[in-house]
Protein backbone atom coordinates (compact mmCIF):
# COMPACT_ATOMS: atom_id res chain seq x y z
CA MET A 1 87.37 103.83 102.20
CA GLU A 2 87.26 104.94 105.81
CA GLN A 3 88.42 102.98 108.86
CA ILE A 4 86.89 99.53 109.18
CA ALA A 5 86.32 97.21 112.13
CA LEU A 6 88.11 93.88 112.39
CA LEU A 7 86.38 91.44 114.71
CA PHE A 8 88.51 88.51 115.88
CA GLU A 9 87.19 85.35 117.50
CA SER A 10 88.13 85.08 121.15
CA SER A 11 89.41 82.09 123.05
CA ALA A 12 86.72 79.53 123.86
CA GLU A 13 87.77 79.78 127.51
CA ASN A 14 87.97 83.57 127.84
CA PRO A 15 85.99 86.09 125.72
CA ASN A 16 88.55 88.80 126.56
CA VAL A 17 91.50 86.93 125.03
CA VAL A 18 92.01 86.38 121.30
CA ASP A 19 92.02 82.78 120.10
CA SER A 20 95.62 81.58 119.82
CA VAL A 21 95.41 80.81 116.09
CA TRP A 22 94.67 84.50 115.41
CA TYR A 23 97.09 85.99 117.96
CA ASN A 24 99.78 87.17 115.51
CA GLU A 25 97.19 88.68 113.18
CA TRP A 26 95.44 90.41 116.06
CA LEU A 27 98.72 92.01 117.17
CA ALA A 28 99.55 93.16 113.63
CA ALA A 29 96.09 94.63 112.99
CA LYS A 30 96.07 96.58 116.27
CA GLU A 31 99.18 98.50 115.15
CA LEU A 32 97.36 100.07 112.18
CA THR A 33 94.97 103.02 112.49
CA GLN A 34 92.99 101.76 109.47
CA PHE A 35 91.51 99.05 111.71
CA ASP A 36 89.28 99.26 114.78
CA VAL A 37 89.98 95.86 116.39
CA HIS A 38 87.64 93.99 118.76
CA LEU A 39 86.99 90.46 120.03
CA PHE A 40 83.79 88.40 120.03
CA ASN A 41 82.85 85.07 121.62
CA TYR A 42 82.51 83.13 118.36
CA GLU A 43 82.70 79.54 119.60
CA ALA A 44 80.28 80.15 122.46
CA TYR A 45 77.92 82.02 120.14
CA LEU A 46 77.85 79.12 117.67
CA ASN A 47 76.93 76.86 120.57
CA GLY A 48 73.89 78.93 121.50
CA GLU A 49 75.19 81.64 123.85
CA GLU A 50 74.50 85.35 123.46
CA LEU A 51 76.90 87.36 121.30
CA ILE A 52 79.45 89.27 123.37
CA CYS A 53 81.27 92.12 121.60
CA ASN A 54 81.88 95.82 122.18
CA LYS A 55 79.42 98.07 120.42
CA ALA A 56 80.63 99.71 117.23
CA PRO A 57 81.94 103.28 117.57
CA LYS A 58 79.31 104.37 115.04
CA HIS A 59 76.23 103.06 113.25
CA ASP A 60 76.85 100.89 110.17
CA MET A 61 80.56 100.48 110.88
CA PRO A 62 82.04 98.67 107.86
CA THR A 63 83.35 95.36 109.16
CA PHE A 64 85.40 92.26 108.35
CA LEU A 65 85.47 89.15 110.51
CA ARG A 66 88.53 87.09 111.39
CA CYS A 67 87.27 83.70 112.49
CA HIS A 68 87.04 80.06 111.47
CA PRO A 69 84.52 78.95 108.81
CA THR A 70 80.95 78.04 109.63
CA SER A 71 77.65 77.39 107.88
CA LYS A 72 75.63 79.85 105.84
CA GLU A 73 72.89 79.78 108.47
CA ASN A 74 75.29 80.63 111.30
CA TYR A 75 76.91 83.36 109.26
CA LYS A 76 73.60 85.03 108.43
CA ARG A 77 72.53 84.89 112.08
CA LEU A 78 75.87 86.40 113.09
CA GLU A 79 75.50 89.10 110.43
CA ARG A 80 72.11 90.08 111.85
CA ASP A 81 73.29 90.18 115.46
CA PHE A 82 76.36 92.24 114.61
CA LEU A 83 74.15 94.72 112.80
CA SER A 84 72.28 95.28 116.08
CA LEU A 85 75.62 96.27 117.63
CA GLY A 86 76.37 98.72 114.81
CA TYR A 87 78.63 96.51 112.65
CA ARG A 88 77.72 95.98 109.00
CA LEU A 89 79.68 93.22 107.26
CA LEU A 90 81.32 94.17 103.98
CA THR A 91 81.07 90.75 102.42
CA ASP A 92 78.76 87.74 102.24
CA SER A 93 80.64 84.60 103.23
CA TRP A 94 78.30 82.14 101.52
CA ARG A 95 78.70 83.85 98.15
CA VAL A 96 82.39 82.92 98.04
CA ILE A 97 81.95 79.26 98.78
CA GLY A 98 81.43 78.90 95.07
CA PRO A 99 78.71 77.64 92.74
CA GLU A 100 76.55 74.85 94.15
CA GLU A 101 78.02 75.49 97.62
CA TRP A 102 81.51 74.36 96.78
CA GLY A 103 83.42 73.82 93.53
CA LEU A 104 84.73 76.02 90.77
CA GLY A 105 82.85 74.46 87.87
CA GLY A 106 80.41 77.37 87.64
CA TYR A 107 83.31 79.56 86.62
CA SER A 108 84.12 77.98 83.27
CA PHE A 109 87.35 79.91 82.86
CA VAL A 110 88.84 78.50 86.08
CA GLY A 111 87.23 75.06 85.94
CA ASP A 112 90.45 73.60 84.50
CA TYR A 113 92.08 74.20 87.87
CA GLU A 114 89.47 72.23 89.76
CA ILE A 115 90.30 68.81 91.21
CA GLU A 116 87.90 66.08 90.09
CA ASN A 117 84.97 65.81 92.51
CA ILE A 118 81.77 63.82 93.02
CA ASN A 119 78.44 64.76 94.62
CA VAL A 120 77.33 62.97 97.77
CA GLY A 121 74.78 60.31 96.84
CA ALA A 122 76.44 59.33 93.57
CA CYS A 123 78.22 56.01 93.11
CA PHE A 124 81.92 56.50 92.53
CA GLY A 125 85.35 54.92 92.64
CA SER A 126 86.85 51.64 91.50
CA SER A 127 88.00 48.69 93.57
CA GLY A 128 90.93 48.24 91.18
CA HIS A 129 91.80 45.34 88.95
CA GLY A 130 94.97 43.99 87.43
CA SER A 131 97.79 46.45 87.92
CA TYR A 132 95.45 49.35 88.70
CA PRO A 133 95.20 50.28 92.41
CA PRO A 134 91.84 51.18 93.99
CA THR A 135 90.78 54.81 93.56
CA VAL A 136 91.02 57.11 96.57
CA TYR A 137 88.70 60.04 97.30
CA VAL A 138 88.51 62.29 100.33
CA VAL A 139 85.29 63.70 101.77
CA ARG A 140 85.45 67.44 102.42
CA ASP A 141 83.42 70.65 102.52
CA ALA A 142 84.12 74.10 101.07
CA ASP A 143 86.87 74.72 103.63
CA GLY A 144 88.58 71.34 103.26
CA PRO A 145 88.84 67.84 104.75
CA LEU A 146 89.42 66.89 108.38
CA SER A 147 92.97 67.26 109.65
CA ASP A 148 93.05 63.48 110.19
CA LEU A 149 92.65 62.19 106.65
CA ASN A 150 92.17 58.62 107.86
CA GLU A 151 88.66 59.68 108.92
CA SER A 152 87.93 61.18 105.50
CA LEU A 153 89.19 58.70 102.90
CA ALA A 154 86.94 56.73 100.56
CA ILE A 155 89.04 53.92 99.08
CA GLY A 156 87.73 51.75 96.27
CA TYR A 157 84.13 51.57 95.09
CA PHE A 158 81.45 53.45 97.10
CA SER A 159 77.71 53.17 96.61
CA GLY A 160 75.49 56.22 97.03
CA ASP A 161 74.38 55.08 100.50
CA GLU A 162 77.95 54.42 101.63
CA GLY A 163 78.96 57.88 100.45
CA LYS A 164 76.07 59.48 102.33
CA GLU A 165 77.02 57.67 105.51
CA LEU A 166 80.65 58.83 105.31
CA ALA A 167 79.52 62.38 104.51
CA LYS A 168 77.20 62.35 107.54
CA LYS A 169 80.05 61.27 109.84
CA PHE A 170 82.24 63.97 108.33
CA GLU A 171 79.63 66.67 108.97
CA GLU A 172 79.25 65.54 112.58
CA ALA A 173 83.02 65.58 113.07
CA LYS A 174 83.29 69.09 111.64
CA GLY A 175 80.61 70.41 113.99
CA THR A 176 80.28 74.21 113.89
CA TYR A 177 83.15 74.33 111.39
CA PHE A 178 81.08 72.57 108.69
CA THR A 179 80.41 74.92 105.81
CA GLY A 180 78.94 74.75 102.33
CA GLY A 181 78.15 71.12 101.60
CA ALA A 182 80.01 67.83 101.75
CA PHE A 183 81.41 66.31 98.57
CA PHE A 184 84.07 63.82 97.49
CA GLU A 185 87.29 65.02 95.89
CA GLU A 186 89.91 62.88 94.20
CA TYR A 187 92.87 62.35 96.50
CA VAL A 188 95.92 63.93 94.88
CA THR A 189 99.62 63.72 95.72
CA LYS A 190 101.23 67.10 96.23
CA ALA A 191 104.67 67.98 94.99
CA THR A 192 107.20 68.62 97.77
CA CYS A 193 110.35 70.64 98.25
CA ASN A 194 112.62 69.42 101.05
CA GLU A 195 109.56 67.47 102.27
CA ILE A 196 107.47 70.68 102.35
CA PRO A 197 104.17 70.39 100.35
CA VAL A 198 103.94 73.07 97.68
CA ILE A 199 100.79 74.95 98.72
CA TRP A 200 100.28 78.72 98.49
CA ARG A 201 97.46 80.89 99.79
CA VAL A 202 96.63 83.98 97.70
CA PHE A 203 94.37 86.74 99.01
CA TYR A 204 92.28 88.95 96.71
CA PHE A 205 90.66 92.33 97.41
CA GLU A 206 88.33 93.99 94.90
CA GLY A 207 89.06 91.06 92.61
CA LYS A 208 92.85 91.65 92.55
CA ALA A 209 95.56 89.56 94.22
CA PHE A 210 97.38 91.54 96.92
CA PHE A 211 99.19 88.97 99.06
CA LYS A 212 100.51 85.42 98.72
CA SER A 213 102.46 83.11 101.02
CA PRO A 214 103.17 79.39 101.45
CA LEU A 215 100.60 77.59 103.58
CA GLU A 216 103.15 75.49 105.45
CA PRO A 217 104.94 77.24 108.38
CA ASP A 218 108.52 78.37 107.60
CA ALA A 219 108.29 76.87 104.13
CA LEU A 220 110.58 79.45 102.51
CA THR A 221 113.17 79.03 105.27
CA ILE A 222 113.26 75.27 104.77
CA CYS A 223 113.00 75.49 100.99
CA PRO A 224 114.07 78.95 99.63
CA ASN A 225 113.36 77.75 96.07
CA LEU A 226 109.80 76.63 96.79
CA PRO A 227 107.92 76.75 93.47
CA LYS A 228 105.47 79.67 93.26
CA PRO A 229 102.05 79.62 91.58
CA PRO A 230 102.37 81.10 88.06
CA LYS A 231 101.01 84.56 87.34
CA LYS A 232 98.56 83.09 84.82
CA LEU A 233 97.04 80.89 87.52
CA ILE A 234 96.73 83.75 90.02
CA GLY A 235 95.31 86.00 87.31
CA ALA A 236 92.69 83.41 86.33
CA PHE A 237 91.04 83.85 89.73
CA GLN A 238 90.87 87.64 89.62
CA ASP A 239 87.38 89.13 89.36
CA VAL A 240 85.67 85.71 89.55
CA THR A 241 83.20 86.75 92.25
CA TRP A 242 81.43 89.90 93.37
CA ASN A 243 82.73 89.38 96.87
CA LEU A 244 85.15 92.02 98.09
CA PHE A 245 87.62 89.80 99.95
CA TYR A 246 88.40 86.16 99.13
CA ALA A 247 91.29 83.68 99.18
CA CYS A 248 92.48 80.76 97.05
CA ASP A 249 94.78 77.88 97.96
CA PHE A 250 96.89 76.66 95.04
CA ILE A 251 98.69 73.32 95.15
CA LEU A 252 101.32 71.84 92.86
CA LEU A 253 100.72 68.17 92.09
CA LYS A 254 103.58 65.71 91.74
CA GLU A 255 102.77 65.62 88.00
CA GLY A 256 103.77 69.28 87.82
CA ILE A 257 100.18 70.58 87.40
CA TRP A 258 98.78 73.44 89.52
CA LYS A 259 95.27 73.13 90.97
CA CYS A 260 93.03 75.16 93.27
CA ASN A 261 91.78 73.14 96.23
CA ARG A 262 90.17 75.93 98.26
CA PHE A 263 88.20 78.98 97.09
CA PHE A 264 86.82 80.76 100.11
CA ASP A 265 85.89 83.87 102.04
CA GLY A 266 88.94 85.94 102.95
CA GLN A 267 87.43 86.72 106.35
CA MET A 268 87.67 83.06 107.32
CA SER A 269 91.10 82.42 105.80
CA GLN A 270 94.13 82.75 108.06
CA VAL A 271 97.43 84.27 107.05
CA PRO A 272 99.74 81.23 107.19
CA ILE A 273 101.50 80.99 110.54
CA GLY A 274 105.06 82.27 110.55
CA GLU A 275 104.62 84.37 107.42
CA GLU A 276 104.68 88.15 107.03
CA THR A 277 101.57 88.99 109.04
CA GLU A 278 102.50 92.67 109.35
CA LYS A 279 102.95 92.93 105.57
CA PHE A 280 99.56 91.33 105.01
CA TYR A 281 97.71 93.85 107.18
CA THR A 282 99.72 96.81 105.92
CA THR A 283 98.87 95.85 102.34
CA LEU A 284 95.21 95.15 103.19
CA ALA A 285 94.96 98.55 104.89
CA ARG A 286 96.36 100.19 101.77
CA CYS A 287 93.84 98.38 99.56
CA ILE A 288 90.95 99.40 101.82
CA LYS A 289 92.06 103.02 101.87
CA LYS A 290 92.12 103.16 98.05
CA ALA A 291 88.80 101.35 97.57
CA PRO A 292 86.74 101.47 95.49
CA GLN A 293 89.07 101.46 92.51
CA ILE A 294 87.00 102.10 89.42
CA PRO A 295 88.03 102.86 85.85
CA GLU A 296 87.62 106.36 84.43
CA TRP A 297 85.01 105.01 82.01
CA VAL A 298 83.47 101.75 80.74
CA TRP A 299 81.55 100.66 77.69
CA CYS A 300 77.87 100.35 78.50
CA LEU A 301 74.62 99.23 76.91
CA THR A 302 71.99 101.97 77.29
CA ALA A 303 68.32 102.17 76.34
CA GLU A 304 65.12 104.15 76.84
CA VAL A 305 61.90 102.99 78.48
CA ARG A 306 59.07 102.41 75.98
CA ASP A 307 56.03 104.67 76.14
CA GLU A 308 53.43 101.91 75.77
CA ASN A 309 53.81 98.51 77.43
CA LYS A 310 51.21 95.77 77.68
CA ILE A 311 50.78 94.01 81.01
CA GLY A 312 48.50 91.36 82.49
CA LYS A 313 46.31 88.76 80.86
CA ASP A 314 44.06 91.45 79.44
CA LYS A 315 47.09 93.15 77.76
CA ARG A 316 46.32 96.43 79.45
CA ILE A 317 48.41 99.31 78.11
CA VAL A 318 50.49 101.29 80.61
CA HIS A 319 52.86 104.17 79.99
CA GLY A 320 56.42 103.40 81.00
CA THR A 321 56.90 100.97 83.88
CA ARG A 322 56.12 100.96 87.57
CA HIS A 323 59.50 102.52 88.31
CA PHE A 324 60.34 104.51 85.20
CA SER A 325 58.52 107.13 83.14
CA PRO A 326 58.38 106.76 79.34
CA GLY A 327 61.63 107.83 77.69
CA THR A 328 63.75 107.43 80.82
CA LYS A 329 67.33 106.60 79.93
CA VAL A 330 68.64 103.48 81.66
CA PHE A 331 72.14 102.02 81.92
CA LEU A 332 72.09 98.26 81.57
CA HIS A 333 74.16 95.46 83.03
CA PRO A 334 74.85 92.59 80.60
CA PRO A 335 71.36 91.15 79.91
CA ASN A 336 70.40 87.56 80.66
CA TRP A 337 69.42 85.18 77.89
CA ASP A 338 66.00 84.91 79.57
CA GLU A 339 65.50 88.56 78.49
CA ARG A 340 65.75 90.02 81.97
CA VAL A 341 68.18 92.84 82.64
CA ALA A 342 69.36 94.89 85.62
CA ALA A 343 68.74 98.53 84.77
CA ILE A 344 69.99 101.73 86.44
CA GLY A 345 67.98 104.92 86.03
CA ILE A 346 66.18 107.83 87.71
CA PRO A 347 62.70 106.62 88.79
CA ARG A 348 59.38 108.42 89.00
CA TYR A 349 59.55 108.92 92.77
CA THR A 350 63.07 110.27 93.46
CA ASP A 351 65.96 112.09 91.84
CA LYS A 352 68.47 109.40 92.85
CA TYR A 353 69.53 106.48 90.69
CA ILE A 354 68.07 103.07 91.47
CA ARG A 355 68.75 99.58 90.13
CA VAL A 356 65.88 97.25 89.23
CA VAL A 357 65.43 94.05 87.22
CA MET A 358 63.09 94.39 84.26
CA ASP A 359 62.01 92.80 80.97
CA VAL A 360 64.18 93.99 78.06
CA ARG A 361 61.03 94.12 75.88
CA LYS A 362 59.96 97.22 77.83
CA LEU A 363 63.00 99.05 76.46
CA GLU A 364 63.91 100.50 73.08
CA HIS A 365 66.63 102.54 71.32
CA PHE A 366 69.51 100.37 72.52
CA GLU A 367 72.89 102.03 72.11
CA LEU A 368 76.59 101.55 72.84
CA GLU A 369 78.04 104.35 74.96
CA LYS A 370 81.11 105.28 76.93
CA VAL A 371 79.95 105.98 80.48
CA SER A 372 82.12 108.05 82.81
CA ASP A 373 79.72 109.10 85.59
CA PRO A 374 81.50 107.70 88.72
CA GLU A 375 78.22 106.73 90.37
CA ILE A 376 77.08 104.73 87.34
CA VAL A 377 80.49 103.15 86.74
CA THR A 378 80.75 102.13 90.40
CA ALA A 379 77.29 100.52 90.31
CA LEU A 380 78.00 98.74 87.02
CA ARG A 381 81.23 97.35 88.48
CA ASN A 382 79.52 96.25 91.70
CA PRO A 383 76.32 94.40 90.74
CA GLY A 384 76.44 92.42 93.97
CA ASN A 385 76.32 95.71 95.87
CA ILE A 386 79.36 96.29 98.03
CA TRP A 387 77.18 98.57 100.14
CA MET A 388 80.04 100.92 101.02
CA PHE A 389 80.51 101.65 97.31
CA THR A 390 76.96 102.10 96.06
CA HIS A 391 73.53 102.66 97.63
CA MET A 392 71.75 100.82 94.81
CA ALA A 393 70.04 97.49 95.40
CA PRO A 394 72.14 94.41 94.58
CA THR A 395 71.36 92.21 91.61
CA SER A 396 72.28 88.67 90.65
CA VAL A 397 70.84 89.16 87.16
CA GLY A 398 73.47 89.69 84.53
CA ARG A 399 76.42 87.99 82.89
CA GLY A 400 79.52 89.67 84.29
CA TYR A 401 80.09 93.38 83.84
CA TRP A 402 81.31 95.90 81.28
CA ASP A 403 84.85 97.26 81.06
CA GLN A 404 87.03 99.16 78.56
CA SER A 405 87.92 96.12 76.45
CA ASP A 406 87.17 95.52 72.80
CA GLU A 407 85.41 92.33 73.95
CA SER A 408 82.88 94.36 75.96
CA LYS A 409 82.34 96.70 73.02
CA GLN A 410 81.75 93.80 70.62
CA ARG A 411 79.46 92.04 73.09
CA ILE A 412 77.31 95.15 73.44
CA GLN A 413 77.05 95.51 69.66
CA GLU A 414 75.93 91.88 69.43
CA ASP A 415 73.40 92.44 72.23
CA ILE A 416 72.01 95.48 70.42
CA ASP A 417 71.46 93.43 67.26
CA TRP A 418 69.66 90.74 69.30
CA LEU A 419 67.58 93.09 71.46
CA SER A 420 66.53 95.36 68.60
CA HIS A 421 64.83 92.46 66.84
CA LEU A 422 62.69 91.33 69.77
CA ASP A 423 58.93 91.66 69.38
CA PRO A 424 57.84 94.11 72.16
CA ASP A 425 54.51 92.29 72.42
CA GLY A 426 56.08 88.83 72.41
CA LYS A 427 56.36 86.51 75.39
CA ARG A 428 59.60 86.67 77.34
CA TRP A 429 61.73 83.57 76.89
CA SER A 430 62.36 81.67 80.13
């Protein structure tokens, strides 16, 4: 990938000076030619002032932000205003907050690493009895709790209304930093090493971990033998989102169990203070330069568009579909169980590939193929549309993506057996 812009939040007092929490990162990034570094008045902008930032050196400059978290609404407004200055963001912050605006439960294969949590509005907790102490929960959002935990703790039994009231106070205290949605998380005791909590932040780019460091300043100096998150844990969070750049915070509990207590946008995740900031940006620059990294080939489910399809209440017969002529070959993402599928093919009106969502019943002759066309492979690997990698429209329809594994091959063969037995005139399941 070409050079990208890095936009750092400025000091609240002076739009021409970087905010102090980002100073070391700003210095490190400016030393690398891979990055075009600028400042913007983030805090003032979130409080209603006009966006102040240098114009991009070219139209659609690929861009990452370096700033504190904020709401989906603020982020989308910021995205739009930066686009008017020539900056196009490479990632969607709100997509990394996680399923249902916060937790990891939507990713079944990493749900074991989630700390127990409760929705706002539900009754929870226990006042304790006998030798059992009262339960303790902490109110937080996708980014985390308040720095002063005394303002965030829910001790004992809480009714739905009490929980809502505490969540409301929390949101007000967070202000422009509030992101995702409030929820209650079980308070856990972290393991320590020489009184340093064992917490690591791991950054991922293109779904692969590229940098990790302790979250506490000077942790490795104070405790050279600080336990590190196991490779299995780090690997479990690879390729769990379509977002290009994200970060995870892993904590070791006093019971010796590792958990993830933050899964968030990499743009709004700081490199821990005092750690190897230069190494982080050097490694990130290398990752960006090599992107996109795609396999030489992948297994793929392919099909052809049926000649005759019935549409409308009157079952009118049409030839092909609105986008595709009869017999057009399409490359399919993993189909949904509701019988919708994201399909890639050459449409009636252009000679360039497009991606559309369609009913699988309008397709026939399903086959398993090895696909090696770089354009198709890149699109299949980027359903969420990292726009720098593929011009095709994004899709949220599909269950993961294909690769070179035997599991993908078997899954396609099972899909073929299922799809080939569908009645083309039947009603789509939904």
